[in-house]
Amino acid sequence: MDIQLVKFGTTLVFRERGREAFAAFEPALKNLPDAEKVVMDFAGVITFSPSWGDEFISPLFSAHGDRLILRNTSNPSVQATLEILGKTHSMKFNIEN
């Protein structure tokens, strides 16, 4: 499954908006086969805040762990947020660029 984050906007900020985005996306995960990878693509994202990311990425990581793949993470805002989330929640992300 591919998740194009730019569909949620180019400026992903605020905890409430991250929670809303995940709630809107969550039904698509219900019938996901156990072995299928979840690829989150950051292409086109300009600003990515830790609060938005925590609400969207943390539950995905909890549910899918090693099957969660992150792509196009070269944006400094994305990199900084992933570093913060990784340290805060002891998550080691699978990153493909």
PDB file of N, CA and C in Angstrom:
ATOM      1  N   MET A   1       0.844  -1.166   0.000  1.00  0.00           N
ATOM      2  CA  MET A   1       0.000   0.000   0.000  1.00  0.00           C
ATOM      3  C   MET A   1       0.897   1.240   0.000  1.00  0.00           C
ATOM      4  N   ASP A   2       0.561   2.178  -0.853  1.00  0.00           N
ATOM      5  CA  ASP A   2       1.301   3.431  -0.929  1.00  0.00           C
ATOM      6  C   ASP A   2       0.481   4.563  -0.325  1.00  0.00           C
ATOM      7  N   ILE A   3       1.151   5.369   0.493  1.00  0.00           N
ATOM      8  CA  ILE A   3       0.519   6.542   1.095  1.00  0.00           C
ATOM      9  C   ILE A   3       1.267   7.764   0.584  1.00  0.00           C
ATOM     10  N   GLN A   4       0.617   8.550  -0.249  1.00  0.00           N
ATOM     11  CA  GLN A   4       1.195   9.799  -0.756  1.00  0.00           C
ATOM     12  C   GLN A   4       0.791  10.899   0.222  1.00  0.00           C
ATOM     13  N   LEU A   5       1.705  11.284   1.103  1.00  0.00           N
ATOM     14  CA  LEU A   5       1.360  12.258   2.133  1.00  0.00           C
ATOM     15  C   LEU A   5       0.949  13.608   1.570  1.00  0.00           C
ATOM     16  N   VAL A   6       1.426  13.943   0.375  1.00  0.00           N
ATOM     17  CA  VAL A   6       1.072  15.230  -0.220  1.00  0.00           C
ATOM     18  C   VAL A   6      -0.442  15.347  -0.434  1.00  0.00           C
ATOM     19  N   LYS A   7      -1.138  14.226  -0.455  1.00  0.00           N
ATOM     20  CA  LYS A   7      -2.599  14.269  -0.572  1.00  0.00           C
ATOM     21  C   LYS A   7      -3.245  14.924   0.649  1.00  0.00           C
ATOM     22  N   PHE A   8      -2.500  14.950   1.754  1.00  0.00           N
ATOM     23  CA  PHE A   8      -2.988  15.618   2.961  1.00  0.00           C
ATOM     24  C   PHE A   8      -2.535  17.071   3.016  1.00  0.00           C
ATOM     25  N   GLY A   9      -1.716  17.473   2.057  1.00  0.00           N
ATOM     26  CA  GLY A   9      -1.224  18.843   1.981  1.00  0.00           C
ATOM     27  C   GLY A   9       0.293  18.876   1.920  1.00  0.00           C
ATOM     28  N   THR A  10       0.828  20.060   1.634  1.00  0.00           N
ATOM     29  CA  THR A  10       2.280  20.211   1.579  1.00  0.00           C
ATOM     30  C   THR A  10       2.839  20.688   2.917  1.00  0.00           C
ATOM     31  N   THR A  11       1.979  21.213   3.763  1.00  0.00           N
ATOM     32  CA  THR A  11       2.374  21.688   5.085  1.00  0.00           C
ATOM     33  C   THR A  11       1.613  20.860   6.119  1.00  0.00           C
ATOM     34  N   LEU A  12       2.289  19.870   6.662  1.00  0.00           N
ATOM     35  CA  LEU A  12       1.664  18.942   7.597  1.00  0.00           C
ATOM     36  C   LEU A  12       2.053  19.345   9.014  1.00  0.00           C
ATOM     37  N   VAL A  13       1.181  20.111   9.630  1.00  0.00           N
ATOM     38  CA  VAL A  13       1.438  20.644  10.972  1.00  0.00           C
ATOM     39  C   VAL A  13       0.187  20.499  11.833  1.00  0.00           C
ATOM     40  N   PHE A  14       0.374  20.564  13.117  1.00  0.00           N
ATOM     41  CA  PHE A  14      -0.656  20.534  14.148  1.00  0.00           C
ATOM     42  C   PHE A  14      -1.120  19.111  14.461  1.00  0.00           C
ATOM     43  N   ARG A  15      -1.092  18.797  15.718  1.00  0.00           N
ATOM     44  CA  ARG A  15      -1.466  17.464  16.206  1.00  0.00           C
ATOM     45  C   ARG A  15      -2.892  17.096  15.781  1.00  0.00           C
ATOM     46  N   GLU A  16      -3.825  18.019  15.925  1.00  0.00           N
ATOM     47  CA  GLU A  16      -5.218  17.735  15.584  1.00  0.00           C
ATOM     48  C   GLU A  16      -5.376  17.362  14.109  1.00  0.00           C
ATOM     49  N   ARG A  17      -4.670  18.067  13.240  1.00  0.00           N
ATOM     50  CA  ARG A  17      -4.770  17.758  11.807  1.00  0.00           C
ATOM     51  C   ARG A  17      -4.148  16.405  11.479  1.00  0.00           C
ATOM     52  N   GLY A  18      -3.078  16.047  12.170  1.00  0.00           N
ATOM     53  CA  GLY A  18      -2.479  14.724  11.984  1.00  0.00           C
ATOM     54  C   GLY A  18      -3.428  13.627  12.435  1.00  0.00           C
ATOM     55  N   ARG A  19      -4.092  13.862  13.554  1.00  0.00           N
ATOM     56  CA  ARG A  19      -5.066  12.903  14.077  1.00  0.00           C
ATOM     57  C   ARG A  19      -6.228  12.749  13.099  1.00  0.00           C
ATOM     58  N   GLU A  20      -6.702  13.874  12.553  1.00  0.00           N
ATOM     59  CA  GLU A  20      -7.799  13.839  11.582  1.00  0.00           C
ATOM     60  C   GLU A  20      -7.384  13.102  10.307  1.00  0.00           C
ATOM     61  N   ALA A  21      -6.156  13.360   9.850  1.00  0.00           N
ATOM     62  CA  ALA A  21      -5.664  12.692   8.639  1.00  0.00           C
ATOM     63  C   ALA A  21      -5.586  11.191   8.851  1.00  0.00           C
ATOM     64  N   PHE A  22      -5.089  10.772  10.009  1.00  0.00           N
ATOM     65  CA  PHE A  22      -5.005   9.336  10.280  1.00  0.00           C
ATOM     66  C   PHE A  22      -6.397   8.719  10.383  1.00  0.00           C
ATOM     67  N   ALA A  23      -7.310   9.401  11.033  1.00  0.00           N
ATOM     68  CA  ALA A  23      -8.681   8.886  11.152  1.00  0.00           C
ATOM     69  C   ALA A  23      -9.328   8.721   9.781  1.00  0.00           C
ATOM     70  N   ALA A  24      -9.039   9.653   8.867  1.00  0.00           N
ATOM     71  CA  ALA A  24      -9.594   9.560   7.508  1.00  0.00           C
ATOM     72  C   ALA A  24      -8.955   8.418   6.727  1.00  0.00           C
ATOM     73  N   PHE A  25      -7.689   8.150   7.008  1.00  0.00           N
ATOM     74  CA  PHE A  25      -6.959   7.127   6.259  1.00  0.00           C
ATOM     75  C   PHE A  25      -7.120   5.728   6.855  1.00  0.00           C
ATOM     76  N   GLU A  26      -7.360   5.650   8.125  1.00  0.00           N
ATOM     77  CA  GLU A  26      -7.386   4.369   8.844  1.00  0.00           C
ATOM     78  C   GLU A  26      -8.289   3.298   8.216  1.00  0.00           C
ATOM     79  N   PRO A  27      -9.475   3.630   7.713  1.00  0.00           N
ATOM     80  CA  PRO A  27     -10.303   2.576   7.098  1.00  0.00           C
ATOM     81  C   PRO A  27      -9.610   1.848   5.942  1.00  0.00           C
ATOM     82  N   ALA A  28      -8.714   2.524   5.227  1.00  0.00           N
ATOM     83  CA  ALA A  28      -7.999   1.878   4.121  1.00  0.00           C
ATOM     84  C   ALA A  28      -7.060   0.780   4.622  1.00  0.00           C
ATOM     85  N   LEU A  29      -6.712   0.809   5.893  1.00  0.00           N
ATOM     86  CA  LEU A  29      -5.794  -0.172   6.467  1.00  0.00           C
ATOM     87  C   LEU A  29      -6.506  -1.423   6.978  1.00  0.00           C
ATOM     88  N   LYS A  30      -7.803  -1.370   7.079  1.00  0.00           N
ATOM     89  CA  LYS A  30      -8.563  -2.475   7.680  1.00  0.00           C
ATOM     90  C   LYS A  30      -8.356  -3.807   6.969  1.00  0.00           C
ATOM     91  N   ASN A  31      -8.326  -3.810   5.651  1.00  0.00           N
ATOM     92  CA  ASN A  31      -8.219  -5.053   4.893  1.00  0.00           C
ATOM     93  C   ASN A  31      -6.822  -5.283   4.328  1.00  0.00           C
ATOM     94  N   LEU A  32      -5.835  -4.649   4.922  1.00  0.00           N
ATOM     95  CA  LEU A  32      -4.457  -4.785   4.464  1.00  0.00           C
ATOM     96  C   LEU A  32      -3.940  -6.182   4.808  1.00  0.00           C
ATOM     97  N   PRO A  33      -3.462  -6.930   3.798  1.00  0.00           N
ATOM     98  CA  PRO A  33      -2.897  -8.255   4.095  1.00  0.00           C
ATOM     99  C   PRO A  33      -1.706  -8.139   5.043  1.00  0.00           C
ATOM    100  N   ASP A  34      -1.537  -9.144   5.883  1.00  0.00           N
ATOM    101  CA  ASP A  34      -0.495  -9.126   6.907  1.00  0.00           C
ATOM    102  C   ASP A  34       0.915  -8.942   6.361  1.00  0.00           C
ATOM    103  N   ALA A  35       1.186  -9.434   5.173  1.00  0.00           N
ATOM    104  CA  ALA A  35       2.542  -9.361   4.622  1.00  0.00           C
ATOM    105  C   ALA A  35       2.785  -8.118   3.765  1.00  0.00           C
ATOM    106  N   GLU A  36       1.742  -7.358   3.478  1.00  0.00           N
ATOM    107  CA  GLU A  36       1.899  -6.204   2.587  1.00  0.00           C
ATOM    108  C   GLU A  36       2.640  -5.063   3.260  1.00  0.00           C
ATOM    109  N   LYS A  37       3.562  -4.457   2.518  1.00  0.00           N
ATOM    110  CA  LYS A  37       4.306  -3.312   3.019  1.00  0.00           C
ATOM    111  C   LYS A  37       3.451  -2.055   2.925  1.00  0.00           C
ATOM    112  N   VAL A  38       3.705  -1.143   3.843  1.00  0.00           N
ATOM    113  CA  VAL A  38       3.053   0.159   3.843  1.00  0.00           C
ATOM    114  C   VAL A  38       4.137   1.174   3.517  1.00  0.00           C
ATOM    115  N   VAL A  39       4.043   1.797   2.344  1.00  0.00           N
ATOM    116  CA  VAL A  39       5.060   2.739   1.885  1.00  0.00           C
ATOM    117  C   VAL A  39       4.516   4.153   2.019  1.00  0.00           C
ATOM    118  N   MET A  40       5.176   4.938   2.867  1.00  0.00           N
ATOM    119  CA  MET A  40       4.780   6.324   3.082  1.00  0.00           C
ATOM    120  C   MET A  40       5.737   7.208   2.295  1.00  0.00           C
ATOM    121  N   ASP A  41       5.194   7.962   1.335  1.00  0.00           N
ATOM    122  CA  ASP A  41       5.999   8.780   0.434  1.00  0.00           C
ATOM    123  C   ASP A  41       5.850  10.257   0.794  1.00  0.00           C
ATOM    124  N   PHE A  42       7.002  10.896   1.083  1.00  0.00           N
ATOM    125  CA  PHE A  42       7.022  12.295   1.485  1.00  0.00           C
ATOM    126  C   PHE A  42       7.232  13.253   0.307  1.00  0.00           C
ATOM    127  N   ALA A  43       7.238  12.755  -0.928  1.00  0.00           N
ATOM    128  CA  ALA A  43       7.441  13.623  -2.095  1.00  0.00           C
ATOM    129  C   ALA A  43       6.410  14.745  -2.095  1.00  0.00           C
ATOM    130  N   GLY A  44       6.883  15.977  -2.245  1.00  0.00           N
ATOM    131  CA  GLY A  44       5.995  17.130  -2.301  1.00  0.00           C
ATOM    132  C   GLY A  44       5.692  17.763  -0.958  1.00  0.00           C
ATOM    133  N   VAL A  45       6.064  17.102   0.141  1.00  0.00           N
ATOM    134  CA  VAL A  45       5.823  17.663   1.472  1.00  0.00           C
ATOM    135  C   VAL A  45       6.901  18.711   1.752  1.00  0.00           C
ATOM    136  N   ILE A  46       6.468  19.905   2.125  1.00  0.00           N
ATOM    137  CA  ILE A  46       7.395  21.002   2.393  1.00  0.00           C
ATOM    138  C   ILE A  46       7.695  21.097   3.886  1.00  0.00           C
ATOM    139  N   THR A  47       6.659  21.051   4.705  1.00  0.00           N
ATOM    140  CA  THR A  47       6.817  21.164   6.153  1.00  0.00           C
ATOM    141  C   THR A  47       6.137  19.975   6.815  1.00  0.00           C
ATOM    142  N   PHE A  48       6.873  19.348   7.730  1.00  0.00           N
ATOM    143  CA  PHE A  48       6.378  18.154   8.419  1.00  0.00           C
ATOM    144  C   PHE A  48       6.720  18.290   9.896  1.00  0.00           C
ATOM    145  N   SER A  49       5.722  18.532  10.731  1.00  0.00           N
ATOM    146  CA  SER A  49       5.976  18.796  12.150  1.00  0.00           C
ATOM    147  C   SER A  49       5.921  17.514  12.975  1.00  0.00           C
ATOM    148  N   PRO A  50       6.649  17.505  14.094  1.00  0.00           N
ATOM    149  CA  PRO A  50       6.609  16.335  14.981  1.00  0.00           C
ATOM    150  C   PRO A  50       5.210  16.016  15.504  1.00  0.00           C
ATOM    151  N   SER A  51       4.403  17.035  15.763  1.00  0.00           N
ATOM    152  CA  SER A  51       3.063  16.767  16.297  1.00  0.00           C
ATOM    153  C   SER A  51       2.188  16.055  15.257  1.00  0.00           C
ATOM    154  N   TRP A  52       2.208  16.532  14.008  1.00  0.00           N
ATOM    155  CA  TRP A  52       1.438  15.880  12.938  1.00  0.00           C
ATOM    156  C   TRP A  52       1.971  14.469  12.731  1.00  0.00           C
ATOM    157  N   GLY A  53       3.287  14.362  12.642  1.00  0.00           N
ATOM    158  CA  GLY A  53       3.916  13.063  12.421  1.00  0.00           C
ATOM    159  C   GLY A  53       3.613  12.063  13.519  1.00  0.00           C
ATOM    160  N   ASP A  54       3.598  12.531  14.756  1.00  0.00           N
ATOM    161  CA  ASP A  54       3.319  11.642  15.877  1.00  0.00           C
ATOM    162  C   ASP A  54       1.923  11.045  15.761  1.00  0.00           C
ATOM    163  N   GLU A  55       0.973  11.842  15.345  1.00  0.00           N
ATOM    164  CA  GLU A  55      -0.403  11.365  15.227  1.00  0.00           C
ATOM    165  C   GLU A  55      -0.608  10.431  14.030  1.00  0.00           C
ATOM    166  N   PHE A  56       0.219  10.564  13.002  1.00  0.00           N
ATOM    167  CA  PHE A  56       0.034   9.757  11.791  1.00  0.00           C
ATOM    168  C   PHE A  56       1.002   8.574  11.741  1.00  0.00           C
ATOM    169  N   ILE A  57       2.277   8.834  11.964  1.00  0.00           N
ATOM    170  CA  ILE A  57       3.284   7.775  11.829  1.00  0.00           C
ATOM    171  C   ILE A  57       3.307   6.828  13.023  1.00  0.00           C
ATOM    172  N   SER A  58       3.177   7.353  14.216  1.00  0.00           N
ATOM    173  CA  SER A  58       3.288   6.489  15.404  1.00  0.00           C
ATOM    174  C   SER A  58       2.289   5.331  15.396  1.00  0.00           C
ATOM    175  N   PRO A  59       1.000   5.566  15.099  1.00  0.00           N
ATOM    176  CA  PRO A  59       0.088   4.414  15.069  1.00  0.00           C
ATOM    177  C   PRO A  59       0.392   3.459  13.913  1.00  0.00           C
ATOM    178  N   LEU A  60       0.857   3.995  12.793  1.00  0.00           N
ATOM    179  CA  LEU A  60       1.244   3.111  11.683  1.00  0.00           C
ATOM    180  C   LEU A  60       2.432   2.248  12.068  1.00  0.00           C
ATOM    181  N   PHE A  61       3.416   2.859  12.714  1.00  0.00           N
ATOM    182  CA  PHE A  61       4.592   2.117  13.140  1.00  0.00           C
ATOM    183  C   PHE A  61       4.211   1.056  14.169  1.00  0.00           C
ATOM    184  N   SER A  62       3.347   1.408  15.092  1.00  0.00           N
ATOM    185  CA  SER A  62       2.909   0.448  16.110  1.00  0.00           C
ATOM    186  C   SER A  62       2.221  -0.755  15.486  1.00  0.00           C
ATOM    187  N   ALA A  63       1.420  -0.520  14.472  1.00  0.00           N
ATOM    188  CA  ALA A  63       0.660  -1.595  13.838  1.00  0.00           C
ATOM    189  C   ALA A  63       1.461  -2.385  12.812  1.00  0.00           C
ATOM    190  N   HIS A  64       2.412  -1.722  12.130  1.00  0.00           N
ATOM    191  CA  HIS A  64       3.062  -2.368  10.987  1.00  0.00           C
ATOM    192  C   HIS A  64       4.580  -2.483  11.109  1.00  0.00           C
ATOM    193  N   GLY A  65       5.187  -1.797  12.057  1.00  0.00           N
ATOM    194  CA  GLY A  65       6.610  -1.932  12.357  1.00  0.00           C
ATOM    195  C   GLY A  65       7.520  -1.995  11.148  1.00  0.00           C
ATOM    196  N   ASP A  66       8.180  -3.130  10.967  1.00  0.00           N
ATOM    197  CA  ASP A  66       9.154  -3.306   9.888  1.00  0.00           C
ATOM    198  C   ASP A  66       8.543  -3.229   8.493  1.00  0.00           C
ATOM    199  N   ARG A  67       7.236  -3.377   8.391  1.00  0.00           N
ATOM    200  CA  ARG A  67       6.595  -3.289   7.074  1.00  0.00           C
ATOM    201  C   ARG A  67       6.346  -1.851   6.643  1.00  0.00           C
ATOM    202  N   LEU A  68       6.580  -0.891   7.544  1.00  0.00           N
ATOM    203  CA  LEU A  68       6.419   0.527   7.213  1.00  0.00           C
ATOM    204  C   LEU A  68       7.713   1.023   6.577  1.00  0.00           C
ATOM    205  N   ILE A  69       7.622   1.469   5.337  1.00  0.00           N
ATOM    206  CA  ILE A  69       8.761   1.971   4.569  1.00  0.00           C
ATOM    207  C   ILE A  69       8.531   3.458   4.297  1.00  0.00           C
ATOM    208  N   LEU A  70       9.554   4.275   4.541  1.00  0.00           N
ATOM    209  CA  LEU A  70       9.456   5.712   4.291  1.00  0.00           C
ATOM    210  C   LEU A  70      10.296   6.067   3.074  1.00  0.00           C
ATOM    211  N   ARG A  71       9.716   6.863   2.165  1.00  0.00           N
ATOM    212  CA  ARG A  71      10.400   7.267   0.923  1.00  0.00           C
ATOM    213  C   ARG A  71      10.438   8.772   0.779  1.00  0.00           C
ATOM    214  N   ASN A  72      11.440   9.224   0.019  1.00  0.00           N
ATOM    215  CA  ASN A  72      11.594  10.653  -0.294  1.00  0.00           C
ATOM    216  C   ASN A  72      11.644  11.494   0.981  1.00  0.00           C
ATOM    217  N   THR A  73      12.582  11.145   1.841  1.00  0.00           N
ATOM    218  CA  THR A  73      12.702  11.795   3.147  1.00  0.00           C
ATOM    219  C   THR A  73      13.842  12.815   3.191  1.00  0.00           C
ATOM    220  N   SER A  74      14.320  13.273   2.042  1.00  0.00           N
ATOM    221  CA  SER A  74      15.492  14.152   2.021  1.00  0.00           C
ATOM    222  C   SER A  74      15.203  15.587   2.476  1.00  0.00           C
ATOM    223  N   ASN A  75      13.958  15.983   2.541  1.00  0.00           N
ATOM    224  CA  ASN A  75      13.593  17.318   3.014  1.00  0.00           C
ATOM    225  C   ASN A  75      14.069  17.476   4.464  1.00  0.00           C
ATOM    226  N   PRO A  76      14.766  18.582   4.787  1.00  0.00           N
ATOM    227  CA  PRO A  76      15.268  18.773   6.158  1.00  0.00           C
ATOM    228  C   PRO A  76      14.173  18.749   7.234  1.00  0.00           C
ATOM    229  N   SER A  77      12.999  19.261   6.916  1.00  0.00           N
ATOM    230  CA  SER A  77      11.888  19.242   7.870  1.00  0.00           C
ATOM    231  C   SER A  77      11.463  17.804   8.158  1.00  0.00           C
ATOM    232  N   VAL A  78      11.394  16.989   7.131  1.00  0.00           N
ATOM    233  CA  VAL A  78      11.033  15.579   7.277  1.00  0.00           C
ATOM    234  C   VAL A  78      12.115  14.856   8.077  1.00  0.00           C
ATOM    235  N   GLN A  79      13.366  15.071   7.723  1.00  0.00           N
ATOM    236  CA  GLN A  79      14.462  14.410   8.428  1.00  0.00           C
ATOM    237  C   GLN A  79      14.482  14.755   9.914  1.00  0.00           C
ATOM    238  N   ALA A  80      14.315  16.034  10.233  1.00  0.00           N
ATOM    239  CA  ALA A  80      14.335  16.460  11.629  1.00  0.00           C
ATOM    240  C   ALA A  80      13.182  15.833  12.415  1.00  0.00           C
ATOM    241  N   THR A  81      12.006  15.810  11.816  1.00  0.00           N
ATOM    242  CA  THR A  81      10.850  15.240  12.496  1.00  0.00           C
ATOM    243  C   THR A  81      11.016  13.743  12.708  1.00  0.00           C
ATOM    244  N   LEU A  82      11.508  13.044  11.702  1.00  0.00           N
ATOM    245  CA  LEU A  82      11.728  11.600  11.856  1.00  0.00           C
ATOM    246  C   LEU A  82      12.756  11.311  12.943  1.00  0.00           C
ATOM    247  N   GLU A  83      13.771  12.139  13.028  1.00  0.00           N
ATOM    248  CA  GLU A  83      14.782  11.967  14.072  1.00  0.00           C
ATOM    249  C   GLU A  83      14.157  12.164  15.458  1.00  0.00           C
ATOM    250  N   ILE A  84      13.353  13.198  15.601  1.00  0.00           N
ATOM    251  CA  ILE A  84      12.690  13.467  16.882  1.00  0.00           C
ATOM    252  C   ILE A  84      11.765  12.319  17.264  1.00  0.00           C
ATOM    253  N   LEU A  85      10.939  11.878  16.321  1.00  0.00           N
ATOM    254  CA  LEU A  85      10.004  10.790  16.611  1.00  0.00           C
ATOM    255  C   LEU A  85      10.740   9.498  16.930  1.00  0.00           C
ATOM    256  N   GLY A  86      11.808   9.237  16.184  1.00  0.00           N
ATOM    257  CA  GLY A  86      12.589   8.031  16.427  1.00  0.00           C
ATOM    258  C   GLY A  86      13.168   8.002  17.831  1.00  0.00           C
ATOM    259  N   LYS A  87      13.732   9.119  18.253  1.00  0.00           N
ATOM    260  CA  LYS A  87      14.323   9.200  19.596  1.00  0.00           C
ATOM    261  C   LYS A  87      13.250   9.179  20.681  1.00  0.00           C
ATOM    262  N   THR A  88      12.173   9.911  20.467  1.00  0.00           N
ATOM    263  CA  THR A  88      11.120  10.022  21.472  1.00  0.00           C
ATOM    264  C   THR A  88      10.433   8.687  21.738  1.00  0.00           C
ATOM    265  N   HIS A  89      10.182   7.927  20.674  1.00  0.00           N
ATOM    266  CA  HIS A  89       9.409   6.685  20.790  1.00  0.00           C
ATOM    267  C   HIS A  89      10.243   5.431  20.539  1.00  0.00           C
ATOM    268  N   SER A  90      11.548   5.582  20.438  1.00  0.00           N
ATOM    269  CA  SER A  90      12.453   4.443  20.171  1.00  0.00           C
ATOM    270  C   SER A  90      12.017   3.669  18.929  1.00  0.00           C
ATOM    271  N   MET A  91      11.746   4.410  17.854  1.00  0.00           N
ATOM    272  CA  MET A  91      11.355   3.793  16.589  1.00  0.00           C
ATOM    273  C   MET A  91      12.534   3.867  15.630  1.00  0.00           C
ATOM    274  N   LYS A  92      12.814   2.766  14.958  1.00  0.00           N
ATOM    275  CA  LYS A  92      13.835   2.753  13.924  1.00  0.00           C
ATOM    276  C   LYS A  92      13.114   2.562  12.602  1.00  0.00           C
ATOM    277  N   PHE A  93      13.137   3.619  11.789  1.00  0.00           N
ATOM    278  CA  PHE A  93      12.386   3.624  10.542  1.00  0.00           C
ATOM    279  C   PHE A  93      13.164   2.947   9.411  1.00  0.00           C
ATOM    280  N   ASN A  94      12.445   2.288   8.529  1.00  0.00           N
ATOM    281  CA  ASN A  94      12.999   1.753   7.288  1.00  0.00           C
ATOM    282  C   ASN A  94      12.857   2.849   6.242  1.00  0.00           C
ATOM    283  N   ILE A  95      13.989   3.404   5.814  1.00  0.00           N
ATOM    284  CA  ILE A  95      13.962   4.521   4.867  1.00  0.00           C
ATOM    285  C   ILE A  95      14.568   4.082   3.546  1.00  0.00           C
ATOM    286  N   GLU A  96      13.805   4.318   2.478  1.00  0.00           N
ATOM    287  CA  GLU A  96      14.278   4.093   1.102  1.00  0.00           C
ATOM    288  C   GLU A  96      14.226   5.426   0.388  1.00  0.00           C
ATOM    289  N   ASN A  97      15.334   5.831  -0.201  1.00  0.00           N
ATOM    290  CA  ASN A  97      15.331   7.082  -0.961  1.00  0.00           C
ATOM    291  C   ASN A  97      15.715   6.848  -2.390  1.00  0.00           C
TER     292      ASN A  97
END
